Amino acid sequence: MTTPDFIIVAIDGGAASGKSSTAGVLSERFNLLHVDTGSFYRALTAEMLRRGVSPADPTAVGTAVAALQLGTRVTGRRAEMEIAGRVAGDEIRSKAVNDHVSLFAAIPGLRQALLAYQRGQTVVARRHGFRGLVMEGRDIGSVIFPDADFRFFLYADPAERARRRVAQGQLDTIHERDRIDSSRKASPLTCPPGATAIDSTHLTRDEVVARMAAPIAARLAAP
């Protein structure tokens, strides 16, 4: 029996829709590198704020990002962005980053600058012996990997997502983040055509994972 090739799983959705928790389980179950692109944008936001660069000045943002030395550190099954050899810590969950990350992420030049880096995570996954990668974000199945082997879009009622966010210790304004993410000109948050949409409002994490894992397991078991 031959084994399937390297697989790519794309998971999109808004804040607190269940992307990270489900991606983590799929990563463990199928030996996939877990790539949280939200953490990439958070790390870049923290770096821009540290340098005093404002999201209101896209030209300055583009210049600053172009000069960064980006790398990837694999910790367990997770990919972490390195900037000049440094991995950002808890600062990426700070209030300042929460307040600004959607604004920076809406800048076309910044998103374009990250495109090759994000696609390059396949090289990182192969180098570290993973069976594939599971990448989560807001434009993975539509822009980063439109030809991914599996594409999922998670969503949930805004009130439920706000409750989850508070439980996580985050104070994001869900409605405002959705507005920015969905209305930006560059790679807006949307369910990609052909992706499997899953409403996680009344489902447990395990129930959501089961719906995602079934087709993946079938593919990996195929001769």
N, C-alpha and C. Protein backbone atom coordinates (compact mmCIF):
# COMPACT_ATOMS: atom_id res chain seq x y z
N MET A 1 0.85 -1.20 0.00
CA MET A 1 0.00 0.00 0.00
C MET A 1 0.88 1.24 0.00
N THR A 2 0.60 2.16 -0.89
CA THR A 2 1.34 3.42 -0.90
C THR A 2 0.69 4.40 0.05
N THR A 3 1.47 5.35 0.52
CA THR A 3 0.94 6.34 1.46
C THR A 3 0.63 7.62 0.71
N PRO A 4 -0.42 8.35 1.13
CA PRO A 4 -0.75 9.61 0.47
C PRO A 4 0.37 10.62 0.62
N ASP A 5 0.37 11.57 -0.27
CA ASP A 5 1.39 12.62 -0.21
C ASP A 5 1.15 13.55 0.97
N PHE A 6 2.05 14.45 1.17
CA PHE A 6 1.97 15.54 2.15
C PHE A 6 0.61 16.25 1.98
N ILE A 7 -0.10 16.46 3.09
CA ILE A 7 -1.42 17.08 3.00
C ILE A 7 -1.44 18.47 3.65
N ILE A 8 -2.33 19.30 3.16
CA ILE A 8 -2.52 20.64 3.70
C ILE A 8 -3.97 20.80 4.11
N VAL A 9 -4.18 21.20 5.36
CA VAL A 9 -5.51 21.44 5.90
C VAL A 9 -5.63 22.93 6.20
N ALA A 10 -6.62 23.59 5.59
CA ALA A 10 -6.84 25.02 5.78
C ALA A 10 -8.08 25.23 6.64
N ILE A 11 -7.95 26.03 7.69
CA ILE A 11 -9.08 26.34 8.57
C ILE A 11 -9.22 27.85 8.67
N ASP A 12 -10.37 28.35 8.25
CA ASP A 12 -10.65 29.78 8.34
C ASP A 12 -11.81 30.03 9.28
N GLY A 13 -11.92 31.28 9.74
CA GLY A 13 -13.03 31.66 10.61
C GLY A 13 -12.69 32.88 11.42
N GLY A 14 -13.70 33.47 12.03
CA GLY A 14 -13.50 34.66 12.84
C GLY A 14 -12.93 34.33 14.20
N ALA A 15 -12.73 35.35 15.01
CA ALA A 15 -12.20 35.18 16.35
C ALA A 15 -13.12 34.29 17.17
N ALA A 16 -12.52 33.35 17.91
CA ALA A 16 -13.24 32.46 18.83
C ALA A 16 -14.24 31.56 18.13
N SER A 17 -13.99 31.24 16.87
CA SER A 17 -14.87 30.31 16.16
C SER A 17 -14.44 28.87 16.39
N GLY A 18 -13.25 28.68 16.97
CA GLY A 18 -12.75 27.33 17.27
C GLY A 18 -11.57 26.89 16.45
N LYS A 19 -10.95 27.81 15.72
CA LYS A 19 -9.84 27.45 14.83
C LYS A 19 -8.66 26.83 15.56
N SER A 20 -8.18 27.51 16.58
CA SER A 20 -6.95 27.07 17.25
C SER A 20 -7.12 25.75 17.98
N SER A 21 -8.23 25.60 18.70
CA SER A 21 -8.41 24.37 19.46
C SER A 21 -8.57 23.16 18.55
N THR A 22 -9.32 23.31 17.46
CA THR A 22 -9.49 22.18 16.56
C THR A 22 -8.22 21.90 15.77
N ALA A 23 -7.51 22.95 15.37
CA ALA A 23 -6.26 22.76 14.64
C ALA A 23 -5.24 22.02 15.51
N GLY A 24 -5.23 22.34 16.80
CA GLY A 24 -4.30 21.68 17.71
C GLY A 24 -4.56 20.19 17.80
N VAL A 25 -5.83 19.80 17.87
CA VAL A 25 -6.17 18.38 17.95
C VAL A 25 -5.83 17.67 16.64
N LEU A 26 -6.16 18.29 15.52
CA LEU A 26 -5.84 17.68 14.22
C LEU A 26 -4.34 17.53 14.04
N SER A 27 -3.59 18.51 14.52
CA SER A 27 -2.13 18.46 14.45
C SER A 27 -1.60 17.23 15.17
N GLU A 28 -2.11 17.02 16.37
CA GLU A 28 -1.66 15.89 17.18
C GLU A 28 -2.10 14.56 16.57
N ARG A 29 -3.33 14.51 16.11
CA ARG A 29 -3.89 13.24 15.62
C ARG A 29 -3.24 12.78 14.33
N PHE A 30 -2.91 13.72 13.45
CA PHE A 30 -2.43 13.33 12.12
C PHE A 30 -0.97 13.71 11.86
N ASN A 31 -0.25 14.13 12.89
CA ASN A 31 1.15 14.52 12.76
C ASN A 31 1.32 15.65 11.75
N LEU A 32 0.59 16.74 11.98
CA LEU A 32 0.65 17.91 11.13
C LEU A 32 1.28 19.08 11.87
N LEU A 33 2.05 19.88 11.18
CA LEU A 33 2.58 21.11 11.77
C LEU A 33 1.42 22.09 11.93
N HIS A 34 1.25 22.62 13.13
CA HIS A 34 0.17 23.57 13.42
C HIS A 34 0.68 24.99 13.18
N VAL A 35 0.08 25.66 12.21
CA VAL A 35 0.49 27.02 11.86
C VAL A 35 -0.67 27.97 12.14
N ASP A 36 -0.52 28.79 13.16
CA ASP A 36 -1.53 29.78 13.55
C ASP A 36 -1.11 31.11 12.95
N THR A 37 -1.69 31.47 11.81
CA THR A 37 -1.27 32.71 11.15
C THR A 37 -1.69 33.94 11.94
N GLY A 38 -2.70 33.79 12.80
CA GLY A 38 -3.07 34.90 13.66
C GLY A 38 -1.93 35.31 14.56
N SER A 39 -1.16 34.31 15.03
CA SER A 39 0.00 34.62 15.87
C SER A 39 1.07 35.34 15.07
N PHE A 40 1.15 35.07 13.76
CA PHE A 40 2.11 35.78 12.91
C PHE A 40 1.75 37.27 12.86
N TYR A 41 0.48 37.55 12.61
CA TYR A 41 0.05 38.95 12.54
C TYR A 41 0.18 39.63 13.89
N ARG A 42 -0.04 38.89 14.94
CA ARG A 42 0.13 39.46 16.28
C ARG A 42 1.60 39.78 16.56
N ALA A 43 2.48 38.87 16.14
CA ALA A 43 3.92 39.10 16.35
C ALA A 43 4.38 40.32 15.57
N LEU A 44 3.90 40.45 14.32
CA LEU A 44 4.26 41.62 13.52
C LEU A 44 3.67 42.90 14.11
N THR A 45 2.46 42.81 14.64
CA THR A 45 1.84 43.98 15.28
C THR A 45 2.66 44.43 16.48
N ALA A 46 3.06 43.47 17.30
CA ALA A 46 3.89 43.81 18.47
C ALA A 46 5.20 44.46 18.03
N GLU A 47 5.78 43.96 16.94
CA GLU A 47 7.04 44.52 16.44
C GLU A 47 6.83 45.93 15.91
N MET A 48 5.75 46.15 15.18
CA MET A 48 5.47 47.50 14.66
C MET A 48 5.24 48.49 15.80
N LEU A 49 4.50 48.08 16.80
CA LEU A 49 4.25 48.96 17.95
C LEU A 49 5.54 49.25 18.70
N ARG A 50 6.40 48.24 18.79
CA ARG A 50 7.69 48.43 19.46
C ARG A 50 8.54 49.45 18.72
N ARG A 51 8.39 49.48 17.40
CA ARG A 51 9.16 50.42 16.57
C ARG A 51 8.47 51.77 16.41
N GLY A 52 7.27 51.88 16.97
CA GLY A 52 6.55 53.15 16.86
C GLY A 52 5.92 53.37 15.50
N VAL A 53 5.67 52.30 14.76
CA VAL A 53 5.06 52.40 13.43
C VAL A 53 3.55 52.29 13.58
N SER A 54 2.81 53.20 12.97
CA SER A 54 1.36 53.24 13.10
C SER A 54 0.68 52.57 11.91
N PRO A 55 -0.44 51.86 12.16
CA PRO A 55 -1.19 51.25 11.05
C PRO A 55 -1.82 52.31 10.14
N ALA A 56 -1.84 53.55 10.61
CA ALA A 56 -2.38 54.64 9.80
C ALA A 56 -1.40 55.08 8.71
N ASP A 57 -0.17 54.54 8.75
CA ASP A 57 0.85 54.89 7.77
C ASP A 57 1.30 53.63 7.04
N PRO A 58 0.52 53.17 6.05
CA PRO A 58 0.84 51.92 5.35
C PRO A 58 2.22 51.91 4.71
N THR A 59 2.68 53.07 4.24
CA THR A 59 4.01 53.13 3.62
C THR A 59 5.09 52.79 4.62
N ALA A 60 4.98 53.37 5.82
CA ALA A 60 5.96 53.09 6.88
C ALA A 60 5.89 51.63 7.30
N VAL A 61 4.68 51.09 7.35
CA VAL A 61 4.52 49.68 7.70
C VAL A 61 5.20 48.80 6.66
N GLY A 62 4.97 49.09 5.38
CA GLY A 62 5.58 48.31 4.32
C GLY A 62 7.09 48.35 4.36
N THR A 63 7.64 49.53 4.61
CA THR A 63 9.09 49.68 4.70
C THR A 63 9.66 48.89 5.86
N ALA A 64 8.97 48.96 7.00
CA ALA A 64 9.45 48.27 8.20
C ALA A 64 9.38 46.76 8.03
N VAL A 65 8.28 46.26 7.48
CA VAL A 65 8.12 44.81 7.31
C VAL A 65 9.13 44.26 6.31
N ALA A 66 9.39 45.00 5.24
CA ALA A 66 10.33 44.55 4.23
C ALA A 66 11.74 44.37 4.79
N ALA A 67 12.05 45.11 5.85
CA ALA A 67 13.40 45.05 6.42
C ALA A 67 13.54 43.95 7.48
N LEU A 68 12.44 43.30 7.84
CA LEU A 68 12.49 42.30 8.90
C LEU A 68 13.09 40.98 8.41
N GLN A 69 13.81 40.33 9.29
CA GLN A 69 14.36 39.00 9.01
C GLN A 69 13.44 37.99 9.68
N LEU A 70 12.62 37.32 8.86
CA LEU A 70 11.64 36.39 9.40
C LEU A 70 12.12 34.95 9.30
N GLY A 71 11.88 34.21 10.34
CA GLY A 71 12.21 32.80 10.37
C GLY A 71 11.11 32.05 11.08
N THR A 72 11.27 30.75 11.22
CA THR A 72 10.27 29.93 11.90
C THR A 72 10.96 29.01 12.90
N ARG A 73 10.44 28.99 14.11
CA ARG A 73 10.91 28.07 15.14
C ARG A 73 9.80 27.07 15.41
N VAL A 74 10.11 25.79 15.35
CA VAL A 74 9.12 24.75 15.62
C VAL A 74 9.27 24.31 17.07
N THR A 75 8.18 24.52 17.81
CA THR A 75 8.15 24.13 19.23
C THR A 75 7.07 23.07 19.38
N GLY A 76 7.48 21.83 19.61
CA GLY A 76 6.51 20.74 19.63
C GLY A 76 5.96 20.56 18.23
N ARG A 77 4.66 20.83 18.08
CA ARG A 77 4.04 20.74 16.77
C ARG A 77 3.62 22.11 16.25
N ARG A 78 4.06 23.16 16.90
CA ARG A 78 3.63 24.51 16.53
C ARG A 78 4.75 25.29 15.85
N ALA A 79 4.34 26.08 14.84
CA ALA A 79 5.28 26.97 14.16
C ALA A 79 5.18 28.35 14.79
N GLU A 80 6.30 28.91 15.21
CA GLU A 80 6.32 30.24 15.80
C GLU A 80 7.18 31.16 14.94
N MET A 81 6.70 32.36 14.72
CA MET A 81 7.46 33.32 13.92
C MET A 81 8.64 33.87 14.71
N GLU A 82 9.80 33.85 14.05
CA GLU A 82 10.99 34.51 14.60
C GLU A 82 11.21 35.81 13.84
N ILE A 83 11.48 36.86 14.57
CA ILE A 83 11.84 38.14 13.96
C ILE A 83 13.25 38.46 14.43
N ALA A 84 14.20 38.41 13.51
CA ALA A 84 15.61 38.59 13.84
C ALA A 84 16.04 37.61 14.94
N GLY A 85 15.55 36.37 14.83
CA GLY A 85 15.94 35.33 15.76
C GLY A 85 15.19 35.33 17.07
N ARG A 86 14.24 36.23 17.23
CA ARG A 86 13.50 36.35 18.49
C ARG A 86 12.05 35.96 18.29
N VAL A 87 11.53 35.16 19.23
CA VAL A 87 10.12 34.78 19.21
C VAL A 87 9.39 35.64 20.23
N ALA A 88 8.31 36.29 19.79
CA ALA A 88 7.53 37.12 20.71
C ALA A 88 6.85 36.23 21.73
N GLY A 89 6.73 36.72 22.95
CA GLY A 89 6.11 35.94 24.01
C GLY A 89 4.67 36.35 24.27
N ASP A 90 4.34 36.51 25.55
CA ASP A 90 2.97 36.84 25.93
C ASP A 90 2.52 38.21 25.43
N GLU A 91 3.46 39.01 24.97
CA GLU A 91 3.10 40.35 24.49
C GLU A 91 2.13 40.30 23.33
N ILE A 92 2.09 39.20 22.58
CA ILE A 92 1.19 39.15 21.43
C ILE A 92 -0.27 39.06 21.87
N ARG A 93 -0.51 38.81 23.15
CA ARG A 93 -1.88 38.77 23.67
C ARG A 93 -2.19 40.01 24.51
N SER A 94 -1.35 40.99 24.43
CA SER A 94 -1.56 42.21 25.22
C SER A 94 -2.73 43.02 24.65
N LYS A 95 -3.26 43.93 25.46
CA LYS A 95 -4.36 44.77 25.03
C LYS A 95 -3.96 45.63 23.83
N ALA A 96 -2.73 46.13 23.85
CA ALA A 96 -2.27 46.97 22.74
C ALA A 96 -2.28 46.20 21.43
N VAL A 97 -1.83 44.96 21.46
CA VAL A 97 -1.83 44.15 20.25
C VAL A 97 -3.26 43.80 19.86
N ASN A 98 -4.10 43.44 20.83
CA ASN A 98 -5.50 43.14 20.54
C ASN A 98 -6.18 44.32 19.84
N ASP A 99 -5.86 45.52 20.29
CA ASP A 99 -6.50 46.72 19.75
C ASP A 99 -6.02 47.07 18.35
N HIS A 100 -4.84 46.61 17.97
CA HIS A 100 -4.25 47.04 16.70
C HIS A 100 -4.09 45.95 15.64
N VAL A 101 -4.17 44.68 16.03
CA VAL A 101 -3.82 43.62 15.09
C VAL A 101 -4.71 43.61 13.85
N SER A 102 -6.01 43.84 13.99
CA SER A 102 -6.87 43.85 12.81
C SER A 102 -6.56 45.02 11.89
N LEU A 103 -6.11 46.13 12.48
CA LEU A 103 -5.77 47.30 11.68
C LEU A 103 -4.52 47.04 10.85
N PHE A 104 -3.51 46.44 11.46
CA PHE A 104 -2.30 46.11 10.71
C PHE A 104 -2.60 45.02 9.67
N ALA A 105 -3.40 44.02 10.07
CA ALA A 105 -3.70 42.91 9.16
C ALA A 105 -4.50 43.35 7.95
N ALA A 106 -5.14 44.51 8.02
CA ALA A 106 -5.94 45.00 6.90
C ALA A 106 -5.09 45.70 5.84
N ILE A 107 -3.80 45.92 6.13
CA ILE A 107 -2.93 46.63 5.19
C ILE A 107 -2.47 45.69 4.08
N PRO A 108 -2.84 45.97 2.83
CA PRO A 108 -2.51 45.07 1.72
C PRO A 108 -1.02 44.75 1.63
N GLY A 109 -0.17 45.76 1.81
CA GLY A 109 1.27 45.54 1.69
C GLY A 109 1.80 44.56 2.71
N LEU A 110 1.26 44.61 3.92
CA LEU A 110 1.71 43.69 4.96
C LEU A 110 1.25 42.28 4.62
N ARG A 111 0.02 42.12 4.16
CA ARG A 111 -0.47 40.79 3.82
C ARG A 111 0.32 40.20 2.65
N GLN A 112 0.63 41.03 1.68
CA GLN A 112 1.40 40.56 0.54
C GLN A 112 2.81 40.14 0.97
N ALA A 113 3.38 40.91 1.89
CA ALA A 113 4.73 40.60 2.37
C ALA A 113 4.77 39.27 3.09
N LEU A 114 3.66 38.86 3.69
CA LEU A 114 3.62 37.61 4.45
C LEU A 114 3.24 36.40 3.59
N LEU A 115 2.78 36.62 2.37
CA LEU A 115 2.27 35.54 1.55
C LEU A 115 3.30 34.42 1.34
N ALA A 116 4.47 34.77 0.86
CA ALA A 116 5.49 33.76 0.60
C ALA A 116 5.95 33.09 1.89
N TYR A 117 6.04 33.88 2.97
CA TYR A 117 6.46 33.32 4.26
C TYR A 117 5.47 32.25 4.72
N GLN A 118 4.17 32.58 4.62
CA GLN A 118 3.17 31.62 5.07
C GLN A 118 3.17 30.37 4.21
N ARG A 119 3.25 30.53 2.90
CA ARG A 119 3.29 29.36 2.03
C ARG A 119 4.56 28.54 2.28
N GLY A 120 5.60 29.21 2.70
CA GLY A 120 6.86 28.53 2.98
C GLY A 120 6.82 27.62 4.19
N GLN A 121 5.74 27.66 4.95
CA GLN A 121 5.64 26.77 6.11
C GLN A 121 5.53 25.31 5.69
N THR A 122 5.17 25.07 4.43
CA THR A 122 5.18 23.69 3.95
C THR A 122 6.60 23.13 3.95
N VAL A 123 7.55 23.98 3.60
CA VAL A 123 8.96 23.56 3.60
C VAL A 123 9.39 23.25 5.02
N VAL A 124 9.00 24.09 5.96
CA VAL A 124 9.33 23.87 7.37
C VAL A 124 8.74 22.54 7.85
N ALA A 125 7.48 22.29 7.48
CA ALA A 125 6.83 21.06 7.92
C ALA A 125 7.53 19.82 7.36
N ARG A 126 7.87 19.86 6.09
CA ARG A 126 8.57 18.73 5.48
C ARG A 126 9.93 18.52 6.14
N ARG A 127 10.63 19.63 6.38
CA ARG A 127 11.98 19.55 6.95
C ARG A 127 11.96 18.89 8.33
N HIS A 128 10.87 19.10 9.06
CA HIS A 128 10.78 18.55 10.42
C HIS A 128 10.04 17.21 10.46
N GLY A 129 9.76 16.65 9.31
CA GLY A 129 9.21 15.30 9.26
C GLY A 129 7.72 15.18 9.52
N PHE A 130 6.96 16.26 9.36
CA PHE A 130 5.51 16.18 9.55
C PHE A 130 4.83 15.58 8.33
N ARG A 131 3.65 15.00 8.56
CA ARG A 131 2.88 14.40 7.47
C ARG A 131 2.22 15.48 6.60
N GLY A 132 2.15 16.67 7.13
CA GLY A 132 1.54 17.78 6.42
C GLY A 132 1.45 18.96 7.36
N LEU A 133 0.58 19.90 7.04
CA LEU A 133 0.38 21.02 7.96
C LEU A 133 -1.09 21.39 8.02
N VAL A 134 -1.48 21.93 9.17
CA VAL A 134 -2.81 22.48 9.35
C VAL A 134 -2.61 23.96 9.64
N MET A 135 -3.11 24.80 8.75
CA MET A 135 -2.91 26.25 8.89
C MET A 135 -4.26 26.91 9.13
N GLU A 136 -4.31 27.77 10.12
CA GLU A 136 -5.54 28.46 10.47
C GLU A 136 -5.39 29.97 10.33
N GLY A 137 -6.49 30.61 9.97
CA GLY A 137 -6.46 32.06 9.82
C GLY A 137 -7.77 32.58 9.27
N ARG A 138 -7.67 33.58 8.41
CA ARG A 138 -8.86 34.19 7.85
C ARG A 138 -8.87 34.19 6.32
N ASP A 139 -7.75 33.80 5.72
CA ASP A 139 -7.70 33.76 4.24
C ASP A 139 -6.90 32.57 3.76
N ILE A 140 -6.88 31.50 4.55
CA ILE A 140 -6.02 30.36 4.21
C ILE A 140 -6.58 29.60 3.01
N GLY A 141 -7.86 29.24 3.08
CA GLY A 141 -8.46 28.49 1.99
C GLY A 141 -8.80 29.33 0.78
N SER A 142 -8.79 30.65 0.94
CA SER A 142 -9.14 31.52 -0.18
C SER A 142 -7.92 32.11 -0.88
N VAL A 143 -6.85 32.40 -0.13
CA VAL A 143 -5.67 33.07 -0.69
C VAL A 143 -4.38 32.28 -0.52
N ILE A 144 -4.09 31.87 0.70
CA ILE A 144 -2.79 31.23 0.97
C ILE A 144 -2.71 29.86 0.30
N PHE A 145 -3.69 29.00 0.57
CA PHE A 145 -3.72 27.67 -0.02
C PHE A 145 -5.10 27.38 -0.60
N PRO A 146 -5.45 28.05 -1.70
CA PRO A 146 -6.78 27.80 -2.30
C PRO A 146 -6.94 26.38 -2.83
N ASP A 147 -5.82 25.66 -3.02
CA ASP A 147 -5.87 24.29 -3.50
C ASP A 147 -5.54 23.29 -2.39
N ALA A 148 -5.75 23.71 -1.13
CA ALA A 148 -5.47 22.82 0.00
C ALA A 148 -6.29 21.54 -0.13
N ASP A 149 -5.77 20.46 0.41
CA ASP A 149 -6.47 19.17 0.33
C ASP A 149 -7.81 19.22 1.06
N PHE A 150 -7.84 19.97 2.17
CA PHE A 150 -9.06 20.10 2.96
C PHE A 150 -9.21 21.56 3.37
N ARG A 151 -10.40 22.09 3.15
CA ARG A 151 -10.66 23.48 3.52
C ARG A 151 -11.92 23.55 4.37
N PHE A 152 -11.77 24.14 5.55
CA PHE A 152 -12.89 24.26 6.48
C PHE A 152 -13.10 25.73 6.84
N PHE A 153 -14.35 26.07 7.09
CA PHE A 153 -14.68 27.42 7.55
C PHE A 153 -15.55 27.28 8.80
N LEU A 154 -15.03 27.76 9.93
CA LEU A 154 -15.76 27.67 11.20
C LEU A 154 -16.43 28.99 11.51
N TYR A 155 -17.64 28.92 12.01
CA TYR A 155 -18.34 30.13 12.43
C TYR A 155 -19.22 29.80 13.63
N ALA A 156 -19.67 30.84 14.32
CA ALA A 156 -20.52 30.65 15.49
C ALA A 156 -21.24 31.96 15.76
N ASP A 157 -22.29 31.88 16.54
CA ASP A 157 -23.04 33.06 16.92
C ASP A 157 -22.13 34.07 17.61
N PRO A 158 -22.22 35.37 17.26
CA PRO A 158 -21.34 36.38 17.87
C PRO A 158 -21.38 36.40 19.40
N ALA A 159 -22.55 36.19 19.98
CA ALA A 159 -22.65 36.20 21.44
C ALA A 159 -21.86 35.04 22.04
N GLU A 160 -21.93 33.88 21.40
CA GLU A 160 -21.18 32.72 21.89
C GLU A 160 -19.68 32.95 21.73
N ARG A 161 -19.28 33.56 20.62
CA ARG A 161 -17.86 33.82 20.42
C ARG A 161 -17.35 34.85 21.43
N ALA A 162 -18.17 35.84 21.75
CA ALA A 162 -17.78 36.83 22.74
C ALA A 162 -17.61 36.16 24.10
N ARG A 163 -18.50 35.23 24.43
CA ARG A 163 -18.39 34.51 25.71
C ARG A 163 -17.10 33.71 25.75
N ARG A 164 -16.77 33.03 24.65
CA ARG A 164 -15.54 32.24 24.60
C ARG A 164 -14.32 33.14 24.75
N ARG A 165 -14.37 34.30 24.13
CA ARG A 165 -13.24 35.21 24.17
C ARG A 165 -12.97 35.68 25.60
N VAL A 166 -14.02 36.00 26.32
CA VAL A 166 -13.87 36.40 27.72
C VAL A 166 -13.31 35.25 28.54
N ALA A 167 -13.79 34.03 28.27
CA ALA A 167 -13.29 32.86 28.99
C ALA A 167 -11.81 32.63 28.73
N GLN A 168 -11.35 33.06 27.56
CA GLN A 168 -9.93 32.94 27.21
C GLN A 168 -9.09 34.07 27.79
N GLY A 169 -9.75 35.03 28.43
CA GLY A 169 -9.04 36.16 29.00
C GLY A 169 -8.76 37.26 27.99
N GLN A 170 -9.42 37.20 26.83
CA GLN A 170 -9.24 38.22 25.79
C GLN A 170 -10.41 39.20 25.84
N LEU A 171 -10.12 40.45 25.53
CA LEU A 171 -11.14 41.48 25.62
C LEU A 171 -11.43 42.12 24.26
N ASP A 172 -11.25 41.35 23.19
CA ASP A 172 -11.52 41.87 21.85
C ASP A 172 -13.01 42.24 21.71
N THR A 173 -13.27 43.19 20.87
CA THR A 173 -14.64 43.50 20.50
C THR A 173 -14.95 42.69 19.24
N ILE A 174 -15.70 41.61 19.43
CA ILE A 174 -15.95 40.67 18.34
C ILE A 174 -16.57 41.35 17.12
N HIS A 175 -17.58 42.16 17.35
CA HIS A 175 -18.27 42.81 16.23
C HIS A 175 -17.32 43.70 15.44
N GLU A 176 -16.47 44.44 16.13
CA GLU A 176 -15.55 45.34 15.45
C GLU A 176 -14.50 44.56 14.67
N ARG A 177 -13.98 43.50 15.25
CA ARG A 177 -13.00 42.67 14.55
C ARG A 177 -13.62 42.04 13.30
N ASP A 178 -14.87 41.58 13.44
CA ASP A 178 -15.54 41.00 12.28
C ASP A 178 -15.72 42.04 11.18
N ARG A 179 -16.07 43.25 11.58
CA ARG A 179 -16.29 44.30 10.60
C ARG A 179 -15.01 44.60 9.83
N ILE A 180 -13.90 44.73 10.55
CA ILE A 180 -12.62 45.03 9.90
C ILE A 180 -12.17 43.87 9.03
N ASP A 181 -12.26 42.65 9.58
CA ASP A 181 -11.79 41.48 8.84
C ASP A 181 -12.62 41.21 7.59
N SER A 182 -13.91 41.45 7.66
CA SER A 182 -14.79 41.14 6.54
C SER A 182 -14.85 42.24 5.48
N SER A 183 -14.52 43.48 5.88
CA SER A 183 -14.67 44.59 4.94
C SER A 183 -13.35 45.06 4.35
N ARG A 184 -12.22 44.52 4.82
CA ARG A 184 -10.95 44.98 4.28
C ARG A 184 -10.84 44.62 2.80
N LYS A 185 -10.12 45.42 2.05
CA LYS A 185 -9.98 45.20 0.61
C LYS A 185 -9.06 44.02 0.31
N ALA A 186 -8.07 43.82 1.15
CA ALA A 186 -7.12 42.74 0.91
C ALA A 186 -7.53 41.48 1.68
N SER A 187 -7.82 40.41 0.96
CA SER A 187 -8.11 39.10 1.55
C SER A 187 -9.15 39.17 2.67
N PRO A 188 -10.34 39.65 2.39
CA PRO A 188 -11.36 39.72 3.44
C PRO A 188 -11.75 38.34 3.94
N LEU A 189 -12.21 38.30 5.20
CA LEU A 189 -12.67 37.05 5.78
C LEU A 189 -13.93 36.60 5.05
N THR A 190 -13.89 35.42 4.48
CA THR A 190 -15.04 34.90 3.75
C THR A 190 -14.93 33.38 3.69
N CYS A 191 -16.05 32.73 3.54
CA CYS A 191 -16.03 31.28 3.39
C CYS A 191 -15.67 30.96 1.93
N PRO A 192 -14.54 30.33 1.69
CA PRO A 192 -14.12 30.05 0.31
C PRO A 192 -15.09 29.11 -0.39
N PRO A 193 -15.36 29.33 -1.66
CA PRO A 193 -16.21 28.42 -2.41
C PRO A 193 -15.67 26.99 -2.32
N GLY A 194 -16.54 26.06 -2.00
CA GLY A 194 -16.13 24.66 -1.92
C GLY A 194 -15.64 24.22 -0.56
N ALA A 195 -15.44 25.17 0.37
CA ALA A 195 -14.98 24.81 1.70
C ALA A 195 -16.14 24.21 2.51
N THR A 196 -15.81 23.39 3.48
CA THR A 196 -16.82 22.81 4.36
C THR A 196 -17.08 23.77 5.52
N ALA A 197 -18.29 24.33 5.58
CA ALA A 197 -18.64 25.27 6.64
C ALA A 197 -19.23 24.51 7.83
N ILE A 198 -18.77 24.87 9.03
CA ILE A 198 -19.23 24.20 10.25
C ILE A 198 -19.63 25.26 11.27
N ASP A 199 -20.87 25.21 11.72
CA ASP A 199 -21.36 26.11 12.76
C ASP A 199 -21.03 25.48 14.11
N SER A 200 -20.10 26.09 14.85
CA SER A 200 -19.63 25.52 16.11
C SER A 200 -20.38 26.04 17.33
N THR A 201 -21.44 26.83 17.11
CA THR A 201 -22.14 27.48 18.22
C THR A 201 -22.56 26.48 19.29
N HIS A 202 -23.18 25.41 18.89
CA HIS A 202 -23.73 24.45 19.86
C HIS A 202 -23.00 23.11 19.82
N LEU A 203 -21.79 23.11 19.27
CA LEU A 203 -21.01 21.88 19.20
C LEU A 203 -19.83 21.94 20.16
N THR A 204 -19.47 20.80 20.73
CA THR A 204 -18.26 20.73 21.53
C THR A 204 -17.06 20.71 20.59
N ARG A 205 -15.89 20.95 21.15
CA ARG A 205 -14.68 20.89 20.34
C ARG A 205 -14.54 19.52 19.69
N ASP A 206 -14.80 18.46 20.46
CA ASP A 206 -14.64 17.11 19.93
C ASP A 206 -15.61 16.84 18.79
N GLU A 207 -16.82 17.40 18.87
CA GLU A 207 -17.79 17.21 17.79
C GLU A 207 -17.35 17.91 16.51
N VAL A 208 -16.78 19.11 16.67
CA VAL A 208 -16.26 19.82 15.49
C VAL A 208 -15.08 19.05 14.90
N VAL A 209 -14.19 18.61 15.75
CA VAL A 209 -13.01 17.86 15.29
C VAL A 209 -13.44 16.60 14.54
N ALA A 210 -14.46 15.91 15.05
CA ALA A 210 -14.92 14.68 14.41
C ALA A 210 -15.35 14.93 12.97
N ARG A 211 -16.04 16.05 12.74
CA ARG A 211 -16.50 16.37 11.38
C ARG A 211 -15.32 16.69 10.46
N MET A 212 -14.28 17.28 11.02
CA MET A 212 -13.12 17.63 10.21
C MET A 212 -12.21 16.42 9.99
N ALA A 213 -12.09 15.61 11.03
CA ALA A 213 -11.13 14.49 10.99
C ALA A 213 -11.57 13.37 10.06
N ALA A 214 -12.89 13.17 9.93
CA ALA A 214 -13.38 12.02 9.15
C ALA A 214 -12.84 12.00 7.72
N PRO A 215 -12.96 13.10 6.95
CA PRO A 215 -12.43 13.04 5.57
C PRO A 215 -10.91 12.96 5.52
N ILE A 216 -10.25 13.55 6.52
CA ILE A 216 -8.79 13.48 6.55
C ILE A 216 -8.33 12.04 6.78
N ALA A 217 -8.97 11.39 7.76
CA ALA A 217 -8.61 10.01 8.06
C ALA A 217 -8.88 9.11 6.86
N ALA A 218 -9.97 9.36 6.15
CA ALA A 218 -10.29 8.55 4.99
C ALA A 218 -9.24 8.73 3.90
N ARG A 219 -8.79 9.94 3.72
CA ARG A 219 -7.76 10.22 2.71
C ARG A 219 -6.45 9.51 3.09
N LEU A 220 -6.06 9.61 4.34
CA LEU A 220 -4.79 9.02 4.76
C LEU A 220 -4.83 7.50 4.75
N ALA A 221 -6.02 6.94 4.88
CA ALA A 221 -6.15 5.48 4.87
C ALA A 221 -6.29 4.91 3.47
N ALA A 222 -6.49 5.80 2.50
CA ALA A 222 -6.72 5.35 1.13
C ALA A 222 -5.46 4.71 0.56
N PRO A 223 -5.61 3.63 -0.23
CA PRO A 223 -4.44 2.97 -0.83
C PRO A 223 -3.86 3.80 -1.96
